[in-house]
Structures are given as structure tokens and as C-alpha cells.
Amino acid sequence: MKLCRGVVQPILFLIAPLVLSSTLTSFPSQAATLSLSEGMLNFSNFSQGPQNTNSATNTNAFASAPNPLDTAFATSTAEANFIAAPLANASNSSASLAFGQGNTYAGLAQSQTQNLGTFDIGANQSLSFNFESLLSLQAIADNPSLESANSAGNLSFVVSDNTSQNIYGAFGLSGSLATQNNDDFLNLQSDNVALGSTPILQSLTGENQESAQASVNGSFNYFFNQPTSVTLSVFTDNLANVQAIPENPNPIAFVLFGLLGIALKAWKQSRVRG
């Protein structure tokens, strides 16, 4: 897969194979699941620097395997930076990984970033910048009838007027994979944004493994007749979860997956609020 110029693969790309190989070696006879979701959204070549910036990140990870012979692992990482001077640039990266092996386990990882930059544009001036994005999803389940792996991600930015709330430009790249259904998708949307080279969207679906990758770069340029204050709002959100329920689950399994359902519901609600 060809990547955007200057893209560096997140660290979880390196972690995932290590986790998978080590656990499979320890328990070669047990089924396993793996879910990985990674996103990156970077900005450069601003026509002017922002007057104010704000960056925030959020990570959560939950893993449980009641049976000592089972394995569950979840981790997430997120980083956001908006530099105003001397050369304005912004970077967002988030990654989530969940792995499980055995008969009863659950793992959930979520990572989110936010960057905000406020720009005061003078009359008869333009705001312009370049951006590059990368979204990578993977879901693997050895036994889809008893296990599931889900991977989802969303990258987006909006340029909006601070007074009228008018939107001058928007971009969104999102995707979702699920080993137990056919609701997989990879979607690209943009409004008043110039896309660079042809966007690269790839997906691969197998019997027990699904993957999707998207690499998109482009630019934004808007001319303002009057003095205007605008905000560039950038968001990334990545989710990975795995679970396995035995054919005859015990009470501990019901509690375990009840907690996982609560966590998933909270993630969905946070996306609605965002």
C-alpha cells in the first residue's frame, strides 16, 4: 500500500505482530482475535499562524480474561500538537489495539485527539494550508462463530466562522470493520477542500480477516472579503474491541460482556456529543 509523503507508521503497527506472535506461541491450540485502528491527520504550510491554539487527547483501555488460561490485552495512544510559530503546523495521531485468546475474554481500546486553532483573517486575505491523512483498520477472528473483532476510526476537520458559524471547508475520512457482519465501510467526504493525488482507498476481506486502509492528502484555500475570525477544528477517534463468549457461558462471562457493552455505549455517546 502506498502511503502519503512523510507518513510515519504509528508505534502500534510494530506492537501488534509482537503481541500476536508471543501469545500464539504460548497458547497455540486456542483461537485468537485481533483488532487494530490507527489514524493520523497532519497540517502544514499555513498562510498565517493562529492567534490561539488548544490541544487535547483521551485514551481508554479495558481488558479482562476471567480464566487464567485465557489472554486479553488492550492499549491505546494519542498525541496532538498545534504549533503557532515560527512555522505553524498541527499534528494528530491516535491508535488503539485489542487482542484476545481463549474461550472467555474481552478487550476494548479507544483513543481520541482534538486540535483547535483560531485565525484572525484580514480583509482581502486568504487562509490556506495543506493536510495529509492516514486511516488503517484491521480485524481478525480465528473463529467468527464464537469470537468477534471490531475496528473503527474517524478523522475530520472543519473550518468555521466564529461569529456566524458558517462552514468554509470540511473533510472526513471514516471506516469500520466487523468480523461478524457485513456492515463494513470506508468513506471519504469533503466540502470546499481540494484533494491532491488520487485518494488511496483499499480494503481486503477474507474468511477470518478484514483490513482497510485509506491515504488522502489535499489543501484548503479560502479568500475573505471582510475581516473574519475562524477556527480550524481537528478530530481523530479510533476504536478497537475483541470478545469471545463460550457456548455455555458462566455468570462471570455475562458480567464481563455487560461491562464491555457499557463501555461501547459510552464510546458511541461520546462520538454523538463530539
C-alpha atoms as a PDB file:
ATOM      1  CA  MET A   1       0.000   0.000   0.000  1.00  0.00           C
ATOM      2  CA  LYS A   2       1.361   3.388  -0.974  1.00  0.00           C
ATOM      3  CA  LEU A   3       1.360   5.926   1.863  1.00  0.00           C
ATOM      4  CA  CYS A   4       1.190   9.722   1.857  1.00  0.00           C
ATOM      5  CA  ARG A   5       4.515  11.501   1.629  1.00  0.00           C
ATOM      6  CA  GLY A   6       6.062  11.948   5.034  1.00  0.00           C
ATOM      7  CA  VAL A   7       3.786   9.497   6.855  1.00  0.00           C
ATOM      8  CA  VAL A   8       5.439   7.590   9.693  1.00  0.00           C
ATOM      9  CA  GLN A   9       3.639   4.433  10.798  1.00  0.00           C
ATOM     10  CA  PRO A  10       2.432   4.638  14.425  1.00  0.00           C
ATOM     11  CA  ILE A  11       4.125   2.510  17.053  1.00  0.00           C
ATOM     12  CA  LEU A  12       1.192   0.088  17.348  1.00  0.00           C
ATOM     13  CA  PHE A  13       1.973  -1.179  13.845  1.00  0.00           C
ATOM     14  CA  LEU A  14       5.084  -2.654  15.479  1.00  0.00           C
ATOM     15  CA  ILE A  15       3.379  -3.791  18.682  1.00  0.00           C
ATOM     16  CA  ALA A  16       0.580  -5.793  17.049  1.00  0.00           C
ATOM     17  CA  PRO A  17       2.717  -8.518  15.403  1.00  0.00           C
ATOM     18  CA  LEU A  18       4.750  -8.931  18.594  1.00  0.00           C
ATOM     19  CA  VAL A  19       1.653  -9.393  20.750  1.00  0.00           C
ATOM     20  CA  LEU A  20       0.120 -11.801  18.267  1.00  0.00           C
ATOM     21  CA  SER A  21       3.228 -13.971  17.829  1.00  0.00           C
ATOM     22  CA  SER A  22       4.040 -14.184  21.556  1.00  0.00           C
ATOM     23  CA  THR A  23       0.539 -15.174  22.618  1.00  0.00           C
ATOM     24  CA  LEU A  24       0.068 -17.674  19.806  1.00  0.00           C
ATOM     25  CA  THR A  25       3.346 -19.304  20.820  1.00  0.00           C
ATOM     26  CA  SER A  26       2.187 -19.597  24.430  1.00  0.00           C
ATOM     27  CA  PHE A  27      -1.258 -20.977  23.561  1.00  0.00           C
ATOM     28  CA  PRO A  28      -1.029 -22.456  20.032  1.00  0.00           C
ATOM     29  CA  SER A  29      -4.248 -24.504  20.301  1.00  0.00           C
ATOM     30  CA  GLN A  30      -6.555 -21.615  21.265  1.00  0.00           C
ATOM     31  CA  ALA A  31      -8.448 -19.325  18.924  1.00  0.00           C
ATOM     32  CA  ALA A  32      -7.495 -15.647  18.902  1.00  0.00           C
ATOM     33  CA  THR A  33      -8.794 -12.253  17.824  1.00  0.00           C
ATOM     34  CA  LEU A  34      -7.014  -9.012  16.994  1.00  0.00           C
ATOM     35  CA  SER A  35      -8.402  -5.540  16.344  1.00  0.00           C
ATOM     36  CA  LEU A  36      -6.305  -2.537  15.318  1.00  0.00           C
ATOM     37  CA  SER A  37      -7.379   1.028  14.477  1.00  0.00           C
ATOM     38  CA  GLU A  38      -4.924   3.849  13.684  1.00  0.00           C
ATOM     39  CA  GLY A  39      -5.351   7.373  12.383  1.00  0.00           C
ATOM     40  CA  MET A  40      -3.202  10.373  11.508  1.00  0.00           C
ATOM     41  CA  LEU A  41      -4.136  13.893  10.367  1.00  0.00           C
ATOM     42  CA  ASN A  42      -1.366  16.468   9.869  1.00  0.00           C
ATOM     43  CA  PHE A  43      -1.354  20.110   8.665  1.00  0.00           C
ATOM     44  CA  SER A  44       1.395  22.320   7.238  1.00  0.00           C
ATOM     45  CA  ASN A  45       2.126  25.357   5.013  1.00  0.00           C
ATOM     46  CA  PHE A  46      -0.344  27.677   6.748  1.00  0.00           C
ATOM     47  CA  SER A  47      -0.655  31.070   5.079  1.00  0.00           C
ATOM     48  CA  GLN A  48      -0.559  32.613   8.572  1.00  0.00           C
ATOM     49  CA  GLY A  49      -0.218  31.445  12.148  1.00  0.00           C
ATOM     50  CA  PRO A  50      -3.141  31.042  14.560  1.00  0.00           C
ATOM     51  CA  GLN A  51      -3.813  33.575  17.334  1.00  0.00           C
ATOM     52  CA  ASN A  52      -4.835  30.858  19.791  1.00  0.00           C
ATOM     53  CA  THR A  53      -4.460  27.060  19.908  1.00  0.00           C
ATOM     54  CA  ASN A  54      -5.738  24.243  22.076  1.00  0.00           C
ATOM     55  CA  SER A  55      -4.837  20.541  22.020  1.00  0.00           C
ATOM     56  CA  ALA A  56      -6.363  17.628  23.921  1.00  0.00           C
ATOM     57  CA  THR A  57      -6.141  13.821  23.956  1.00  0.00           C
ATOM     58  CA  ASN A  58      -8.076  10.991  25.574  1.00  0.00           C
ATOM     59  CA  THR A  59      -7.257   7.276  25.857  1.00  0.00           C
ATOM     60  CA  ASN A  60      -9.065   4.356  27.449  1.00  0.00           C
ATOM     61  CA  ALA A  61      -8.284   0.639  27.577  1.00  0.00           C
ATOM     62  CA  PHE A  62     -10.107  -2.290  29.168  1.00  0.00           C
ATOM     63  CA  ALA A  63      -9.115  -5.970  29.087  1.00  0.00           C
ATOM     64  CA  SER A  64     -10.362  -8.957  31.052  1.00  0.00           C
ATOM     65  CA  ALA A  65      -9.920 -12.732  30.895  1.00  0.00           C
ATOM     66  CA  PRO A  66     -11.525 -14.480  33.910  1.00  0.00           C
ATOM     67  CA  ASN A  67      -9.943 -17.832  33.071  1.00  0.00           C
ATOM     68  CA  PRO A  68      -6.195 -17.844  33.845  1.00  0.00           C
ATOM     69  CA  LEU A  69      -5.617 -19.877  30.679  1.00  0.00           C
ATOM     70  CA  ASP A  70      -7.142 -17.116  28.547  1.00  0.00           C
ATOM     71  CA  THR A  71      -5.461 -13.884  27.449  1.00  0.00           C
ATOM     72  CA  ALA A  72      -6.748 -10.336  26.938  1.00  0.00           C
ATOM     73  CA  PHE A  73      -4.762  -7.229  26.072  1.00  0.00           C
ATOM     74  CA  ALA A  74      -5.758  -3.662  25.159  1.00  0.00           C
ATOM     75  CA  THR A  75      -3.769  -0.469  24.734  1.00  0.00           C
ATOM     76  CA  SER A  76      -4.195   2.959  23.160  1.00  0.00           C
ATOM     77  CA  THR A  77      -2.097   6.024  22.441  1.00  0.00           C
ATOM     78  CA  ALA A  78      -2.905   9.568  21.307  1.00  0.00           C
ATOM     79  CA  GLU A  79      -0.900  12.704  20.550  1.00  0.00           C
ATOM     80  CA  ALA A  80      -1.997  16.184  19.424  1.00  0.00           C
ATOM     81  CA  ASN A  81       0.102  19.306  18.860  1.00  0.00           C
ATOM     82  CA  PHE A  82      -0.663  22.706  17.315  1.00  0.00           C
ATOM     83  CA  ILE A  83       2.405  24.943  16.903  1.00  0.00           C
ATOM     84  CA  ALA A  84       1.693  28.600  16.107  1.00  0.00           C
ATOM     85  CA  ALA A  85       5.213  29.917  15.338  1.00  0.00           C
ATOM     86  CA  PRO A  86       7.644  30.270  13.728  1.00  0.00           C
ATOM     87  CA  LEU A  87       6.118  27.920  11.144  1.00  0.00           C
ATOM     88  CA  ALA A  88       2.559  26.975  12.002  1.00  0.00           C
ATOM     89  CA  ASN A  89       1.782  23.255  11.869  1.00  0.00           C
ATOM     90  CA  ALA A  90      -0.544  20.793  13.555  1.00  0.00           C
ATOM     91  CA  SER A  91      -0.412  17.035  14.080  1.00  0.00           C
ATOM     92  CA  ASN A  92      -2.927  14.491  15.335  1.00  0.00           C
ATOM     93  CA  SER A  93      -2.297  10.762  15.760  1.00  0.00           C
ATOM     94  CA  SER A  94      -4.228   8.090  17.637  1.00  0.00           C
ATOM     95  CA  ALA A  95      -4.079   4.297  17.733  1.00  0.00           C
ATOM     96  CA  SER A  96      -5.987   1.537  19.513  1.00  0.00           C
ATOM     97  CA  LEU A  97      -5.181  -2.166  19.781  1.00  0.00           C
ATOM     98  CA  ALA A  98      -7.113  -5.050  21.375  1.00  0.00           C
ATOM     99  CA  PHE A  99      -6.165  -8.722  21.452  1.00  0.00           C
ATOM    100  CA  GLY A 100      -7.764 -11.809  22.958  1.00  0.00           C
ATOM    101  CA  GLN A 101      -7.139 -15.540  23.036  1.00  0.00           C
ATOM    102  CA  GLY A 102      -9.035 -18.359  24.691  1.00  0.00           C
ATOM    103  CA  ASN A 103     -12.681 -19.056  25.459  1.00  0.00           C
ATOM    104  CA  THR A 104     -13.829 -16.086  27.555  1.00  0.00           C
ATOM    105  CA  TYR A 105     -12.243 -12.662  27.200  1.00  0.00           C
ATOM    106  CA  ALA A 106     -12.941  -9.059  26.255  1.00  0.00           C
ATOM    107  CA  GLY A 107     -10.792  -6.128  25.228  1.00  0.00           C
ATOM    108  CA  LEU A 108     -11.649  -2.553  24.328  1.00  0.00           C
ATOM    109  CA  ALA A 109      -9.321   0.345  23.445  1.00  0.00           C
ATOM    110  CA  GLN A 110     -10.205   3.907  22.439  1.00  0.00           C
ATOM    111  CA  SER A 111      -8.023   6.871  21.507  1.00  0.00           C
ATOM    112  CA  GLN A 112      -9.106  10.420  20.657  1.00  0.00           C
ATOM    113  CA  THR A 113      -7.389  13.705  19.767  1.00  0.00           C
ATOM    114  CA  GLN A 114      -8.530  17.281  19.272  1.00  0.00           C
ATOM    115  CA  ASN A 115      -6.747  20.345  17.890  1.00  0.00           C
ATOM    116  CA  LEU A 116      -8.270  23.823  17.738  1.00  0.00           C
ATOM    117  CA  GLY A 117      -6.693  26.869  16.091  1.00  0.00           C
ATOM    118  CA  THR A 118      -8.250  30.344  15.899  1.00  0.00           C
ATOM    119  CA  PHE A 119      -7.234  32.604  12.990  1.00  0.00           C
ATOM    120  CA  ASP A 120      -7.991  36.313  12.577  1.00  0.00           C
ATOM    121  CA  ILE A 121      -8.095  36.937   8.823  1.00  0.00           C
ATOM    122  CA  GLY A 122      -7.821  40.490   7.497  1.00  0.00           C
ATOM    123  CA  ALA A 123      -9.940  41.953   4.690  1.00  0.00           C
ATOM    124  CA  ASN A 124      -8.985  40.706   1.218  1.00  0.00           C
ATOM    125  CA  GLN A 125      -6.762  37.983   2.653  1.00  0.00           C
ATOM    126  CA  SER A 126      -6.813  34.203   2.364  1.00  0.00           C
ATOM    127  CA  LEU A 127      -6.416  31.319   4.781  1.00  0.00           C
ATOM    128  CA  SER A 128      -4.733  28.304   3.250  1.00  0.00           C
ATOM    129  CA  PHE A 129      -2.978  25.125   4.405  1.00  0.00           C
ATOM    130  CA  ASN A 130      -2.047  21.607   3.288  1.00  0.00           C
ATOM    131  CA  PHE A 131      -3.050  18.392   5.015  1.00  0.00           C
ATOM    132  CA  GLU A 132      -2.337  14.661   4.869  1.00  0.00           C
ATOM    133  CA  SER A 133      -4.284  11.813   6.442  1.00  0.00           C
ATOM    134  CA  LEU A 134      -3.972   8.091   7.023  1.00  0.00           C
ATOM    135  CA  LEU A 135      -6.540   5.615   8.378  1.00  0.00           C
ATOM    136  CA  SER A 136      -5.717   1.935   8.904  1.00  0.00           C
ATOM    137  CA  LEU A 137      -8.103  -0.725  10.242  1.00  0.00           C
ATOM    138  CA  GLN A 138      -7.689  -4.450  10.857  1.00  0.00           C
ATOM    139  CA  ALA A 139      -9.960  -7.108  12.378  1.00  0.00           C
ATOM    140  CA  ILE A 140      -9.055 -10.799  12.763  1.00  0.00           C
ATOM    141  CA  ALA A 141     -11.106 -13.595  14.348  1.00  0.00           C
ATOM    142  CA  ASP A 142      -9.984 -17.221  14.143  1.00  0.00           C
ATOM    143  CA  ASN A 143     -13.474 -18.493  14.982  1.00  0.00           C
ATOM    144  CA  PRO A 144     -16.105 -15.899  13.937  1.00  0.00           C
ATOM    145  CA  SER A 145     -18.959 -18.031  15.283  1.00  0.00           C
ATOM    146  CA  LEU A 146     -17.686 -17.664  18.872  1.00  0.00           C
ATOM    147  CA  GLU A 147     -15.451 -14.577  18.652  1.00  0.00           C
ATOM    148  CA  SER A 148     -15.714 -11.086  17.244  1.00  0.00           C
ATOM    149  CA  ALA A 149     -13.298  -8.301  16.360  1.00  0.00           C
ATOM    150  CA  ASN A 150     -14.389  -4.757  15.556  1.00  0.00           C
ATOM    151  CA  SER A 151     -12.274  -1.851  14.356  1.00  0.00           C
ATOM    152  CA  ALA A 152     -13.471   1.707  13.658  1.00  0.00           C
ATOM    153  CA  GLY A 153     -11.912   5.087  13.009  1.00  0.00           C
ATOM    154  CA  ASN A 154     -12.829   8.650  12.128  1.00  0.00           C
ATOM    155  CA  LEU A 155     -10.629  11.577  11.028  1.00  0.00           C
ATOM    156  CA  SER A 156     -12.134  15.005  10.374  1.00  0.00           C
ATOM    157  CA  PHE A 157     -11.590  18.740  10.288  1.00  0.00           C
ATOM    158  CA  VAL A 158     -13.835  21.780   9.866  1.00  0.00           C
ATOM    159  CA  VAL A 159     -13.066  25.458   9.185  1.00  0.00           C
ATOM    160  CA  SER A 160     -15.909  27.533  10.640  1.00  0.00           C
ATOM    161  CA  ASP A 161     -16.788  31.189  11.248  1.00  0.00           C
ATOM    162  CA  ASN A 162     -16.599  32.139  14.927  1.00  0.00           C
ATOM    163  CA  THR A 163     -19.487  34.631  14.596  1.00  0.00           C
ATOM    164  CA  SER A 164     -21.940  33.189  12.070  1.00  0.00           C
ATOM    165  CA  GLN A 165     -20.901  29.527  12.472  1.00  0.00           C
ATOM    166  CA  ASN A 166     -20.745  29.252   8.674  1.00  0.00           C
ATOM    167  CA  ILE A 167     -18.595  26.363   7.464  1.00  0.00           C
ATOM    168  CA  TYR A 168     -15.962  27.306   4.878  1.00  0.00           C
ATOM    169  CA  GLY A 169     -14.490  23.835   4.419  1.00  0.00           C
ATOM    170  CA  ALA A 170     -14.755  20.317   5.822  1.00  0.00           C
ATOM    171  CA  PHE A 171     -13.126  16.916   5.467  1.00  0.00           C
ATOM    172  CA  GLY A 172     -13.990  13.489   6.845  1.00  0.00           C
ATOM    173  CA  LEU A 173     -12.437  10.038   6.500  1.00  0.00           C
ATOM    174  CA  SER A 174     -14.089   7.177   8.372  1.00  0.00           C
ATOM    175  CA  GLY A 175     -14.304   3.400   8.341  1.00  0.00           C
ATOM    176  CA  SER A 176     -15.491   0.389  10.269  1.00  0.00           C
ATOM    177  CA  LEU A 177     -14.817  -3.359  10.180  1.00  0.00           C
ATOM    178  CA  ALA A 178     -16.682  -6.157  11.969  1.00  0.00           C
ATOM    179  CA  THR A 179     -15.934  -9.857  11.588  1.00  0.00           C
ATOM    180  CA  GLN A 180     -19.471 -10.959  12.493  1.00  0.00           C
ATOM    181  CA  ASN A 181     -21.497  -8.918   9.989  1.00  0.00           C
ATOM    182  CA  ASN A 182     -21.393  -7.243   6.578  1.00  0.00           C
ATOM    183  CA  ASP A 183     -21.607  -3.639   7.790  1.00  0.00           C
ATOM    184  CA  ASP A 184     -18.024  -2.795   6.809  1.00  0.00           C
ATOM    185  CA  PHE A 185     -17.403   0.572   5.158  1.00  0.00           C
ATOM    186  CA  LEU A 186     -14.692   3.037   4.195  1.00  0.00           C
ATOM    187  CA  ASN A 187     -15.972   6.532   3.471  1.00  0.00           C
ATOM    188  CA  LEU A 188     -14.408   9.803   2.285  1.00  0.00           C
ATOM    189  CA  GLN A 189     -16.245  13.159   2.314  1.00  0.00           C
ATOM    190  CA  SER A 190     -15.041  16.695   1.621  1.00  0.00           C
ATOM    191  CA  ASP A 191     -16.551  20.133   1.065  1.00  0.00           C
ATOM    192  CA  ASN A 192     -14.605  23.052  -0.421  1.00  0.00           C
ATOM    193  CA  VAL A 193     -11.373  21.104   0.024  1.00  0.00           C
ATOM    194  CA  ALA A 194      -9.019  20.315  -2.855  1.00  0.00           C
ATOM    195  CA  LEU A 195      -7.815  16.716  -2.794  1.00  0.00           C
ATOM    196  CA  GLY A 196      -4.262  16.179  -4.050  1.00  0.00           C
ATOM    197  CA  SER A 197      -3.313  12.999  -5.812  1.00  0.00           C
ATOM    198  CA  THR A 198      -5.983  10.372  -6.266  1.00  0.00           C
ATOM    199  CA  PRO A 199      -7.072   9.202  -2.793  1.00  0.00           C
ATOM    200  CA  ILE A 200      -5.929   5.683  -1.974  1.00  0.00           C
ATOM    201  CA  LEU A 201      -8.718   3.555  -0.535  1.00  0.00           C
ATOM    202  CA  GLN A 202      -8.070  -0.168  -0.132  1.00  0.00           C
ATOM    203  CA  SER A 203      -9.974  -2.957   1.596  1.00  0.00           C
ATOM    204  CA  LEU A 204      -9.393  -6.692   1.893  1.00  0.00           C
ATOM    205  CA  THR A 205     -11.964  -9.164   3.157  1.00  0.00           C
ATOM    206  CA  GLY A 206     -11.155 -12.799   3.910  1.00  0.00           C
ATOM    207  CA  GLU A 207     -12.803 -15.648   5.763  1.00  0.00           C
ATOM    208  CA  ASN A 208     -11.370 -14.670   9.151  1.00  0.00           C
ATOM    209  CA  GLN A 209      -9.517 -11.416   8.450  1.00  0.00           C
ATOM    210  CA  GLU A 210     -10.559  -7.964   7.263  1.00  0.00           C
ATOM    211  CA  SER A 211      -8.481  -4.851   6.652  1.00  0.00           C
ATOM    212  CA  ALA A 212      -8.965  -1.368   5.241  1.00  0.00           C
ATOM    213  CA  GLN A 213      -6.534   1.458   4.565  1.00  0.00           C
ATOM    214  CA  ALA A 214      -7.003   4.993   3.268  1.00  0.00           C
ATOM    215  CA  SER A 215      -4.377   7.616   2.460  1.00  0.00           C
ATOM    216  CA  VAL A 216      -5.572  11.093   1.429  1.00  0.00           C
ATOM    217  CA  ASN A 217      -3.853  14.469   1.147  1.00  0.00           C
ATOM    218  CA  GLY A 218      -5.040  17.851  -0.064  1.00  0.00           C
ATOM    219  CA  SER A 219      -5.323  21.557   0.625  1.00  0.00           C
ATOM    220  CA  PHE A 220      -7.709  24.297   1.744  1.00  0.00           C
ATOM    221  CA  ASN A 221      -7.772  27.880   0.434  1.00  0.00           C
ATOM    222  CA  TYR A 222     -10.469  30.481   1.097  1.00  0.00           C
ATOM    223  CA  PHE A 223     -10.481  34.222   0.293  1.00  0.00           C
ATOM    224  CA  PHE A 224     -12.186  36.591   2.756  1.00  0.00           C
ATOM    225  CA  ASN A 225     -13.553  39.972   1.619  1.00  0.00           C
ATOM    226  CA  GLN A 226     -14.082  41.197   5.176  1.00  0.00           C
ATOM    227  CA  PRO A 227     -12.128  40.757   8.420  1.00  0.00           C
ATOM    228  CA  THR A 228     -13.140  37.356   9.749  1.00  0.00           C
ATOM    229  CA  SER A 229     -12.317  35.175  12.737  1.00  0.00           C
ATOM    230  CA  VAL A 230     -12.371  31.435  12.013  1.00  0.00           C
ATOM    231  CA  THR A 231     -11.473  28.224  13.850  1.00  0.00           C
ATOM    232  CA  LEU A 232      -9.863  25.099  12.451  1.00  0.00           C
ATOM    233  CA  SER A 233     -11.225  22.144  14.447  1.00  0.00           C
ATOM    234  CA  VAL A 234      -9.489  18.784  14.036  1.00  0.00           C
ATOM    235  CA  PHE A 235     -10.570  15.436  15.487  1.00  0.00           C
ATOM    236  CA  THR A 236      -9.422  11.805  15.387  1.00  0.00           C
ATOM    237  CA  ASP A 237     -11.193   8.879  17.030  1.00  0.00           C
ATOM    238  CA  ASN A 238     -10.083   5.220  16.914  1.00  0.00           C
ATOM    239  CA  LEU A 239     -11.760   2.200  18.498  1.00  0.00           C
ATOM    240  CA  ALA A 240     -10.726  -1.465  18.717  1.00  0.00           C
ATOM    241  CA  ASN A 241     -12.550  -4.227  20.552  1.00  0.00           C
ATOM    242  CA  VAL A 242     -12.485  -8.034  20.715  1.00  0.00           C
ATOM    243  CA  GLN A 243     -14.551 -10.553  22.615  1.00  0.00           C
ATOM    244  CA  ALA A 244     -15.260 -14.268  22.912  1.00  0.00           C
ATOM    245  CA  ILE A 245     -18.176 -15.956  24.638  1.00  0.00           C
ATOM    246  CA  PRO A 246     -18.179 -19.744  25.183  1.00  0.00           C
ATOM    247  CA  GLU A 247     -21.134 -21.801  24.037  1.00  0.00           C
ATOM    248  CA  ASN A 248     -22.210 -22.223  27.674  1.00  0.00           C
ATOM    249  CA  PRO A 249     -21.076 -19.010  29.390  1.00  0.00           C
ATOM    250  CA  ASN A 250     -20.819 -18.835  33.170  1.00  0.00           C
ATOM    251  CA  PRO A 251     -22.080 -15.862  35.252  1.00  0.00           C
ATOM    252  CA  ILE A 252     -18.647 -14.223  35.162  1.00  0.00           C
ATOM    253  CA  ALA A 253     -18.834 -14.117  31.353  1.00  0.00           C
ATOM    254  CA  PHE A 254     -22.199 -12.338  31.470  1.00  0.00           C
ATOM    255  CA  VAL A 255     -20.778  -9.699  33.829  1.00  0.00           C
ATOM    256  CA  LEU A 256     -17.678  -9.323  31.681  1.00  0.00           C
ATOM    257  CA  PHE A 257     -19.548  -8.654  28.458  1.00  0.00           C
ATOM    258  CA  GLY A 258     -22.073  -6.489  30.230  1.00  0.00           C
ATOM    259  CA  LEU A 259     -19.198  -4.187  31.180  1.00  0.00           C
ATOM    260  CA  LEU A 260     -17.931  -4.255  27.608  1.00  0.00           C
ATOM    261  CA  GLY A 261     -21.377  -3.275  26.333  1.00  0.00           C
ATOM    262  CA  ILE A 262     -21.470  -0.317  28.735  1.00  0.00           C
ATOM    263  CA  ALA A 263     -18.057   0.822  27.519  1.00  0.00           C
ATOM    264  CA  LEU A 264     -19.105   0.586  23.860  1.00  0.00           C
ATOM    265  CA  LYS A 265     -22.268   2.564  24.565  1.00  0.00           C
ATOM    266  CA  ALA A 266     -20.212   5.292  26.252  1.00  0.00           C
ATOM    267  CA  TRP A 267     -17.931   5.475  23.188  1.00  0.00           C
ATOM    268  CA  LYS A 268     -20.886   5.879  20.840  1.00  0.00           C
ATOM    269  CA  GLN A 269     -22.353   8.632  23.036  1.00  0.00           C
ATOM    270  CA  SER A 270     -19.021  10.485  23.099  1.00  0.00           C
ATOM    271  CA  ARG A 271     -18.975  10.497  19.279  1.00  0.00           C
ATOM    272  CA  VAL A 272     -22.504  11.934  19.185  1.00  0.00           C
ATOM    273  CA  ARG A 273     -21.518  14.705  21.587  1.00  0.00           C
ATOM    274  CA  GLY A 274     -18.381  15.403  19.533  1.00  0.00           C
END
